[in-house]
Amino acid sequence: MEVYLHEELVFRDLDAKSSDEALDYLAKQLFKNGYVKKQYITAIKEREREYPTGLPSTQPIVAIPHANYELVNETTLAIATLKEPVEFHNMEENAVTLPVKIIIMMAIGEPHGQVEMLQKIVGLIQDEPLRQKMVAAHDNLELLKLVETAIN
C-alpha cells in the first residue's frame, strides 16, 4: 500500500495544550483538505478515549490516532511534532499517560489498510534516531521527507 503524504498535513512544532487540542487540530486539517468526512473530527477523539494510542517507547514518544475507515475519503497521514509534549494514554496500560511529542494521525480509507499502515509506522517508532530527526526537523518539508522515507 503506497501512501501519499501531503505537505499541507505536516506540522512542525505544533503548539497544543492537550492531546484533545492536538487531535482536533489535525483532524480539522484533514477535513479542510477533503481527506476525511466531518464526523472524523469527533470520531477520532471518541476513539482515543476508548482505545488510547500513545505508544510506550524511549523519547520522543509517538501517538498514532485513527478513526473508522468509513469516515475517510482518501488515505493519507497527518503528522505533527509538538512544541511541548502533551499527555496521551498508554495503548498498553490505559491508566498510564505518556508525554507524546510526535503524532501520526492515520486516515486509512480501506478496511484492511490499517494493519499494514501500523506495521510501517511501527518500524518508524522503533527507530529512535529517526524520531529524534523528526523532532529536530527544520521545516515541514524535511519532516515530510523523513516520514515518507520510513514508510514507503
N, C-alpha and C. Protein backbone atom coordinates (compact mmCIF):
# COMPACT_ATOMS: atom_id res chain seq x y z
N MET A 1 0.84 -1.19 0.00
CA MET A 1 0.00 0.00 0.00
C MET A 1 0.88 1.25 0.00
N GLU A 2 0.81 1.99 -1.07
CA GLU A 2 1.58 3.22 -1.20
C GLU A 2 0.78 4.33 -0.50
N VAL A 3 1.44 5.11 0.32
CA VAL A 3 0.73 6.19 1.00
C VAL A 3 1.29 7.52 0.54
N TYR A 4 0.39 8.40 0.13
CA TYR A 4 0.82 9.70 -0.32
C TYR A 4 0.71 10.69 0.83
N LEU A 5 1.83 11.33 1.10
CA LEU A 5 1.85 12.33 2.15
C LEU A 5 1.77 13.70 1.49
N HIS A 6 1.18 14.64 2.20
CA HIS A 6 0.96 15.97 1.63
C HIS A 6 1.50 17.02 2.58
N GLU A 7 2.23 17.98 2.02
CA GLU A 7 2.87 18.99 2.87
C GLU A 7 1.84 19.78 3.70
N GLU A 8 0.62 19.93 3.18
CA GLU A 8 -0.38 20.70 3.95
C GLU A 8 -0.87 19.92 5.18
N LEU A 9 -0.41 18.68 5.35
CA LEU A 9 -0.80 17.87 6.51
C LEU A 9 0.39 17.60 7.44
N VAL A 10 1.44 18.38 7.29
CA VAL A 10 2.63 18.20 8.13
C VAL A 10 2.85 19.47 8.94
N PHE A 11 2.96 19.30 10.25
CA PHE A 11 3.05 20.46 11.14
C PHE A 11 4.19 20.27 12.13
N ARG A 12 5.23 21.05 11.94
CA ARG A 12 6.39 21.01 12.81
C ARG A 12 6.15 21.97 13.97
N ASP A 13 6.48 21.56 15.19
CA ASP A 13 6.38 22.45 16.36
C ASP A 13 4.96 22.94 16.61
N LEU A 14 3.99 22.06 16.49
CA LEU A 14 2.60 22.43 16.75
C LEU A 14 2.45 22.80 18.23
N ASP A 15 1.78 23.91 18.47
CA ASP A 15 1.60 24.38 19.83
C ASP A 15 0.22 23.94 20.31
N ALA A 16 0.16 22.83 21.03
CA ALA A 16 -1.12 22.33 21.55
C ALA A 16 -0.99 22.16 23.06
N LYS A 17 -2.07 22.47 23.77
CA LYS A 17 -2.03 22.40 25.24
C LYS A 17 -2.46 21.03 25.76
N SER A 18 -3.13 20.24 24.90
CA SER A 18 -3.62 18.93 25.34
C SER A 18 -3.70 18.00 24.15
N SER A 19 -3.86 16.70 24.43
CA SER A 19 -3.99 15.74 23.34
C SER A 19 -5.26 16.04 22.55
N ASP A 20 -6.34 16.43 23.24
CA ASP A 20 -7.59 16.75 22.57
C ASP A 20 -7.42 17.90 21.57
N GLU A 21 -6.70 18.92 22.00
CA GLU A 21 -6.47 20.08 21.14
C GLU A 21 -5.65 19.67 19.91
N ALA A 22 -4.64 18.85 20.12
CA ALA A 22 -3.80 18.39 19.01
C ALA A 22 -4.61 17.53 18.04
N LEU A 23 -5.42 16.61 18.59
CA LEU A 23 -6.25 15.73 17.75
C LEU A 23 -7.24 16.56 16.94
N ASP A 24 -7.86 17.52 17.60
CA ASP A 24 -8.84 18.39 16.96
C ASP A 24 -8.20 19.14 15.79
N TYR A 25 -7.03 19.70 16.04
CA TYR A 25 -6.34 20.47 15.01
C TYR A 25 -6.02 19.61 13.79
N LEU A 26 -5.42 18.44 14.01
CA LEU A 26 -5.02 17.58 12.89
C LEU A 26 -6.24 17.06 12.13
N ALA A 27 -7.28 16.64 12.85
CA ALA A 27 -8.48 16.11 12.20
C ALA A 27 -9.14 17.21 11.36
N LYS A 28 -9.15 18.44 11.88
CA LYS A 28 -9.75 19.55 11.12
C LYS A 28 -8.95 19.85 9.85
N GLN A 29 -7.63 19.69 9.91
CA GLN A 29 -6.81 19.90 8.71
C GLN A 29 -7.14 18.82 7.67
N LEU A 30 -7.30 17.60 8.12
CA LEU A 30 -7.67 16.50 7.20
C LEU A 30 -9.02 16.80 6.55
N PHE A 31 -9.96 17.28 7.36
CA PHE A 31 -11.30 17.58 6.85
C PHE A 31 -11.26 18.77 5.87
N LYS A 32 -10.58 19.84 6.29
CA LYS A 32 -10.49 21.06 5.48
C LYS A 32 -9.92 20.76 4.08
N ASN A 33 -9.00 19.80 4.02
CA ASN A 33 -8.37 19.45 2.75
C ASN A 33 -9.08 18.30 2.02
N GLY A 34 -10.22 17.88 2.56
CA GLY A 34 -11.05 16.91 1.85
C GLY A 34 -10.68 15.44 2.01
N TYR A 35 -9.75 15.12 2.91
CA TYR A 35 -9.32 13.73 3.06
C TYR A 35 -10.28 12.89 3.90
N VAL A 36 -11.05 13.55 4.78
CA VAL A 36 -11.98 12.84 5.65
C VAL A 36 -13.33 13.54 5.70
N LYS A 37 -14.33 12.80 6.17
CA LYS A 37 -15.66 13.38 6.35
C LYS A 37 -15.69 14.14 7.68
N LYS A 38 -16.64 15.04 7.84
CA LYS A 38 -16.72 15.88 9.03
C LYS A 38 -16.78 15.06 10.33
N GLN A 39 -17.50 13.94 10.31
CA GLN A 39 -17.65 13.11 11.53
C GLN A 39 -16.30 12.59 12.04
N TYR A 40 -15.30 12.56 11.17
CA TYR A 40 -13.98 12.07 11.56
C TYR A 40 -13.43 12.86 12.75
N ILE A 41 -13.73 14.17 12.77
CA ILE A 41 -13.19 15.06 13.81
C ILE A 41 -13.65 14.61 15.20
N THR A 42 -14.94 14.28 15.33
CA THR A 42 -15.45 13.80 16.63
C THR A 42 -15.01 12.36 16.85
N ALA A 43 -15.07 11.55 15.80
CA ALA A 43 -14.76 10.12 15.92
C ALA A 43 -13.35 9.89 16.43
N ILE A 44 -12.40 10.71 16.00
CA ILE A 44 -11.01 10.48 16.39
C ILE A 44 -10.83 10.70 17.89
N LYS A 45 -11.53 11.71 18.43
CA LYS A 45 -11.41 11.98 19.87
C LYS A 45 -12.14 10.93 20.70
N GLU A 46 -13.30 10.49 20.20
CA GLU A 46 -14.05 9.44 20.91
C GLU A 46 -13.25 8.14 20.95
N ARG A 47 -12.66 7.80 19.81
CA ARG A 47 -11.90 6.57 19.73
C ARG A 47 -10.67 6.63 20.64
N GLU A 48 -10.05 7.78 20.71
CA GLU A 48 -8.86 7.96 21.55
C GLU A 48 -9.21 7.73 23.03
N ARG A 49 -10.39 8.20 23.43
CA ARG A 49 -10.80 8.00 24.83
C ARG A 49 -11.01 6.52 25.12
N GLU A 50 -11.54 5.80 24.16
CA GLU A 50 -11.83 4.38 24.35
C GLU A 50 -10.60 3.49 24.15
N TYR A 51 -9.85 3.78 23.09
CA TYR A 51 -8.66 3.00 22.73
C TYR A 51 -7.48 3.94 22.57
N PRO A 52 -6.77 4.23 23.66
CA PRO A 52 -5.66 5.18 23.60
C PRO A 52 -4.58 4.73 22.61
N THR A 53 -3.87 5.71 22.05
CA THR A 53 -2.88 5.38 21.02
C THR A 53 -1.46 5.85 21.35
N GLY A 54 -1.19 6.18 22.61
CA GLY A 54 0.18 6.53 22.99
C GLY A 54 1.01 5.26 23.02
N LEU A 55 2.15 5.28 22.32
CA LEU A 55 2.99 4.08 22.24
C LEU A 55 4.18 4.19 23.17
N PRO A 56 4.25 3.29 24.15
CA PRO A 56 5.37 3.36 25.09
C PRO A 56 6.70 3.12 24.36
N SER A 57 7.64 4.01 24.53
CA SER A 57 8.97 3.86 23.94
C SER A 57 9.89 4.87 24.62
N THR A 58 11.13 4.89 24.14
CA THR A 58 12.04 5.94 24.62
C THR A 58 11.57 7.26 24.01
N GLN A 59 12.10 8.38 24.49
CA GLN A 59 11.75 9.69 23.94
C GLN A 59 12.32 9.82 22.53
N PRO A 60 11.73 10.59 21.66
CA PRO A 60 10.41 11.20 21.76
C PRO A 60 9.29 10.17 21.49
N ILE A 61 8.23 10.28 22.27
CA ILE A 61 7.13 9.31 22.22
C ILE A 61 6.12 9.68 21.14
N VAL A 62 5.57 8.63 20.50
CA VAL A 62 4.65 8.80 19.38
C VAL A 62 3.24 8.33 19.76
N ALA A 63 2.24 9.03 19.23
CA ALA A 63 0.85 8.56 19.32
C ALA A 63 0.36 8.38 17.88
N ILE A 64 -0.49 7.36 17.68
CA ILE A 64 -0.97 7.07 16.32
C ILE A 64 -2.50 7.02 16.26
N PRO A 65 -3.15 8.15 16.50
CA PRO A 65 -4.62 8.17 16.48
C PRO A 65 -5.18 7.86 15.09
N HIS A 66 -6.35 7.23 15.08
CA HIS A 66 -7.04 6.95 13.81
C HIS A 66 -8.51 6.73 14.11
N ALA A 67 -9.33 6.78 13.07
CA ALA A 67 -10.76 6.54 13.22
C ALA A 67 -11.20 5.60 12.11
N ASN A 68 -12.47 5.23 12.14
CA ASN A 68 -13.03 4.27 11.21
C ASN A 68 -12.78 4.63 9.75
N TYR A 69 -12.38 3.64 8.96
CA TYR A 69 -12.08 3.85 7.55
C TYR A 69 -13.26 4.42 6.76
N GLU A 70 -14.49 4.17 7.23
CA GLU A 70 -15.66 4.66 6.51
C GLU A 70 -15.75 6.19 6.52
N LEU A 71 -15.02 6.82 7.43
CA LEU A 71 -15.03 8.29 7.52
C LEU A 71 -13.92 8.93 6.69
N VAL A 72 -13.18 8.09 5.96
CA VAL A 72 -12.02 8.57 5.20
C VAL A 72 -12.34 8.61 3.71
N ASN A 73 -12.05 9.75 3.06
CA ASN A 73 -12.24 9.88 1.61
C ASN A 73 -11.00 9.43 0.85
N GLU A 74 -9.83 9.75 1.41
CA GLU A 74 -8.58 9.41 0.74
C GLU A 74 -7.52 9.10 1.79
N THR A 75 -6.84 7.97 1.60
CA THR A 75 -5.83 7.52 2.55
C THR A 75 -4.64 8.47 2.58
N THR A 76 -4.30 8.90 3.79
CA THR A 76 -3.11 9.73 3.98
C THR A 76 -2.76 9.76 5.46
N LEU A 77 -1.75 10.51 5.82
CA LEU A 77 -1.37 10.71 7.22
C LEU A 77 -1.28 12.20 7.49
N ALA A 78 -1.68 12.60 8.70
CA ALA A 78 -1.41 13.96 9.17
C ALA A 78 -0.33 13.81 10.24
N ILE A 79 0.72 14.59 10.14
CA ILE A 79 1.88 14.41 11.02
C ILE A 79 2.19 15.70 11.74
N ALA A 80 2.44 15.58 13.05
CA ALA A 80 2.84 16.76 13.81
C ALA A 80 3.94 16.41 14.80
N THR A 81 4.87 17.33 14.95
CA THR A 81 5.76 17.27 16.10
C THR A 81 5.27 18.41 16.99
N LEU A 82 5.32 18.21 18.29
CA LEU A 82 4.75 19.20 19.20
C LEU A 82 5.83 20.05 19.83
N LYS A 83 5.51 21.32 20.00
CA LYS A 83 6.43 22.25 20.65
C LYS A 83 6.73 21.74 22.06
N GLU A 84 5.67 21.41 22.79
CA GLU A 84 5.80 20.81 24.13
C GLU A 84 5.00 19.51 24.12
N PRO A 85 5.50 18.46 24.78
CA PRO A 85 4.76 17.20 24.81
C PRO A 85 3.37 17.37 25.44
N VAL A 86 2.40 16.58 24.99
CA VAL A 86 1.07 16.53 25.61
C VAL A 86 0.82 15.09 26.06
N GLU A 87 0.00 14.94 27.07
CA GLU A 87 -0.25 13.61 27.64
C GLU A 87 -1.26 12.82 26.81
N PHE A 88 -0.86 11.63 26.41
CA PHE A 88 -1.75 10.66 25.77
C PHE A 88 -1.77 9.44 26.68
N HIS A 89 -2.87 8.73 26.72
CA HIS A 89 -2.90 7.50 27.49
C HIS A 89 -2.14 6.41 26.75
N ASN A 90 -1.50 5.56 27.53
CA ASN A 90 -0.69 4.46 27.02
C ASN A 90 -1.60 3.39 26.41
N MET A 91 -1.29 3.01 25.18
CA MET A 91 -2.03 1.98 24.45
C MET A 91 -2.06 0.66 25.22
N GLU A 92 -0.96 0.32 25.88
CA GLU A 92 -0.85 -0.98 26.57
C GLU A 92 -1.38 -0.93 28.00
N GLU A 93 -1.34 0.23 28.61
CA GLU A 93 -1.75 0.37 30.01
C GLU A 93 -2.52 1.68 30.14
N ASN A 94 -3.83 1.60 29.90
CA ASN A 94 -4.66 2.80 29.77
C ASN A 94 -4.60 3.79 30.93
N ALA A 95 -4.31 3.31 32.13
CA ALA A 95 -4.29 4.22 33.28
C ALA A 95 -3.05 5.12 33.27
N VAL A 96 -2.05 4.74 32.51
CA VAL A 96 -0.79 5.48 32.47
C VAL A 96 -0.80 6.48 31.31
N THR A 97 -0.27 7.69 31.57
CA THR A 97 -0.16 8.65 30.47
C THR A 97 1.30 8.79 30.04
N LEU A 98 1.48 9.17 28.80
CA LEU A 98 2.81 9.32 28.22
C LEU A 98 2.95 10.72 27.63
N PRO A 99 4.13 11.34 27.79
CA PRO A 99 4.35 12.66 27.20
C PRO A 99 4.67 12.53 25.70
N VAL A 100 3.66 12.70 24.87
CA VAL A 100 3.82 12.49 23.42
C VAL A 100 4.37 13.74 22.74
N LYS A 101 5.34 13.53 21.86
CA LYS A 101 5.99 14.63 21.14
C LYS A 101 5.72 14.55 19.62
N ILE A 102 5.32 13.35 19.15
CA ILE A 102 5.06 13.15 17.71
C ILE A 102 3.68 12.52 17.56
N ILE A 103 2.86 13.08 16.69
CA ILE A 103 1.55 12.49 16.41
C ILE A 103 1.48 12.13 14.93
N ILE A 104 1.13 10.89 14.67
CA ILE A 104 0.93 10.45 13.29
C ILE A 104 -0.53 10.01 13.21
N MET A 105 -1.36 10.88 12.67
CA MET A 105 -2.79 10.59 12.57
C MET A 105 -3.05 9.86 11.27
N MET A 106 -3.61 8.67 11.39
CA MET A 106 -3.84 7.84 10.21
C MET A 106 -5.26 8.04 9.69
N ALA A 107 -5.34 8.37 8.40
CA ALA A 107 -6.63 8.41 7.73
C ALA A 107 -6.54 7.32 6.66
N ILE A 108 -7.01 6.14 7.01
CA ILE A 108 -6.87 4.98 6.12
C ILE A 108 -8.24 4.63 5.56
N GLY A 109 -8.37 4.69 4.23
CA GLY A 109 -9.67 4.54 3.59
C GLY A 109 -10.08 3.13 3.23
N GLU A 110 -9.25 2.12 3.56
CA GLU A 110 -9.68 0.76 3.26
C GLU A 110 -9.67 -0.09 4.52
N PRO A 111 -10.62 -1.05 4.62
CA PRO A 111 -10.81 -1.79 5.86
C PRO A 111 -9.56 -2.48 6.39
N HIS A 112 -8.71 -3.01 5.50
CA HIS A 112 -7.56 -3.76 5.99
C HIS A 112 -6.27 -2.96 5.92
N GLY A 113 -6.39 -1.72 5.48
CA GLY A 113 -5.21 -0.89 5.32
C GLY A 113 -4.56 -0.50 6.62
N GLN A 114 -5.37 -0.47 7.69
CA GLN A 114 -4.85 -0.01 8.98
C GLN A 114 -3.71 -0.88 9.50
N VAL A 115 -3.89 -2.19 9.41
CA VAL A 115 -2.88 -3.11 9.92
C VAL A 115 -1.57 -2.93 9.17
N GLU A 116 -1.68 -2.83 7.85
CA GLU A 116 -0.50 -2.65 7.01
C GLU A 116 0.21 -1.34 7.35
N MET A 117 -0.58 -0.28 7.51
CA MET A 117 0.00 1.02 7.84
C MET A 117 0.64 0.98 9.22
N LEU A 118 -0.02 0.35 10.17
CA LEU A 118 0.55 0.23 11.52
C LEU A 118 1.90 -0.45 11.46
N GLN A 119 2.02 -1.50 10.66
CA GLN A 119 3.29 -2.22 10.55
C GLN A 119 4.39 -1.29 10.05
N LYS A 120 4.05 -0.43 9.06
CA LYS A 120 5.05 0.51 8.54
C LYS A 120 5.43 1.53 9.61
N ILE A 121 4.44 2.01 10.33
CA ILE A 121 4.69 3.03 11.34
C ILE A 121 5.47 2.47 12.53
N VAL A 122 5.24 1.19 12.84
CA VAL A 122 5.97 0.56 13.94
C VAL A 122 7.47 0.60 13.65
N GLY A 123 7.84 0.40 12.40
CA GLY A 123 9.25 0.49 12.02
C GLY A 123 9.82 1.86 12.36
N LEU A 124 9.05 2.88 12.07
CA LEU A 124 9.45 4.25 12.34
C LEU A 124 9.56 4.47 13.86
N ILE A 125 8.59 3.91 14.59
CA ILE A 125 8.55 4.11 16.04
C ILE A 125 9.73 3.42 16.72
N GLN A 126 10.16 2.29 16.18
CA GLN A 126 11.27 1.56 16.80
C GLN A 126 12.62 2.19 16.47
N ASP A 127 12.61 3.17 15.57
CA ASP A 127 13.84 3.81 15.13
C ASP A 127 14.05 5.12 15.89
N GLU A 128 14.69 5.03 17.05
CA GLU A 128 14.85 6.22 17.89
C GLU A 128 15.60 7.36 17.18
N PRO A 129 16.72 7.08 16.48
CA PRO A 129 17.40 8.16 15.77
C PRO A 129 16.48 8.87 14.77
N LEU A 130 15.62 8.12 14.10
CA LEU A 130 14.68 8.72 13.14
C LEU A 130 13.69 9.63 13.88
N ARG A 131 13.17 9.17 15.01
CA ARG A 131 12.24 10.00 15.79
C ARG A 131 12.93 11.29 16.25
N GLN A 132 14.19 11.17 16.65
CA GLN A 132 14.95 12.37 17.07
C GLN A 132 15.08 13.34 15.89
N LYS A 133 15.34 12.79 14.69
CA LYS A 133 15.47 13.63 13.49
C LYS A 133 14.14 14.31 13.18
N MET A 134 13.04 13.59 13.39
CA MET A 134 11.71 14.16 13.12
C MET A 134 11.48 15.39 14.00
N VAL A 135 11.80 15.25 15.28
CA VAL A 135 11.59 16.35 16.22
C VAL A 135 12.54 17.52 15.91
N ALA A 136 13.72 17.19 15.38
CA ALA A 136 14.72 18.23 15.08
C ALA A 136 14.55 18.83 13.68
N ALA A 137 13.62 18.32 12.89
CA ALA A 137 13.45 18.80 11.51
C ALA A 137 13.31 20.32 11.49
N HIS A 138 13.94 20.96 10.49
CA HIS A 138 13.94 22.42 10.41
C HIS A 138 12.66 22.98 9.81
N ASP A 139 11.98 22.17 9.00
CA ASP A 139 10.73 22.67 8.41
C ASP A 139 9.81 21.49 8.09
N ASN A 140 8.60 21.82 7.66
CA ASN A 140 7.60 20.79 7.38
C ASN A 140 8.04 19.84 6.28
N LEU A 141 8.72 20.37 5.27
CA LEU A 141 9.15 19.54 4.15
C LEU A 141 10.17 18.50 4.60
N GLU A 142 11.11 18.90 5.44
CA GLU A 142 12.12 17.96 5.95
C GLU A 142 11.43 16.86 6.76
N LEU A 143 10.47 17.25 7.58
CA LEU A 143 9.71 16.29 8.38
C LEU A 143 8.96 15.31 7.47
N LEU A 144 8.34 15.84 6.44
CA LEU A 144 7.60 15.02 5.47
C LEU A 144 8.53 14.00 4.82
N LYS A 145 9.69 14.43 4.38
CA LYS A 145 10.65 13.52 3.71
C LYS A 145 11.09 12.40 4.64
N LEU A 146 11.33 12.71 5.91
CA LEU A 146 11.76 11.69 6.87
C LEU A 146 10.69 10.60 7.01
N VAL A 147 9.44 11.02 7.12
CA VAL A 147 8.35 10.06 7.31
C VAL A 147 8.13 9.27 6.01
N GLU A 148 8.18 9.95 4.89
CA GLU A 148 8.00 9.30 3.59
C GLU A 148 9.01 8.18 3.38
N THR A 149 10.26 8.49 3.66
CA THR A 149 11.33 7.51 3.51
C THR A 149 11.09 6.31 4.41
N ALA A 150 10.61 6.57 5.61
CA ALA A 150 10.42 5.49 6.59
C ALA A 150 9.27 4.56 6.22
N ILE A 151 8.20 5.10 5.60
CA ILE A 151 7.05 4.25 5.37
C ILE A 151 6.88 3.73 3.95
N ASN A 152 7.59 4.29 2.98
CA ASN A 152 7.36 3.80 1.60
C ASN A 152 8.47 2.91 1.07
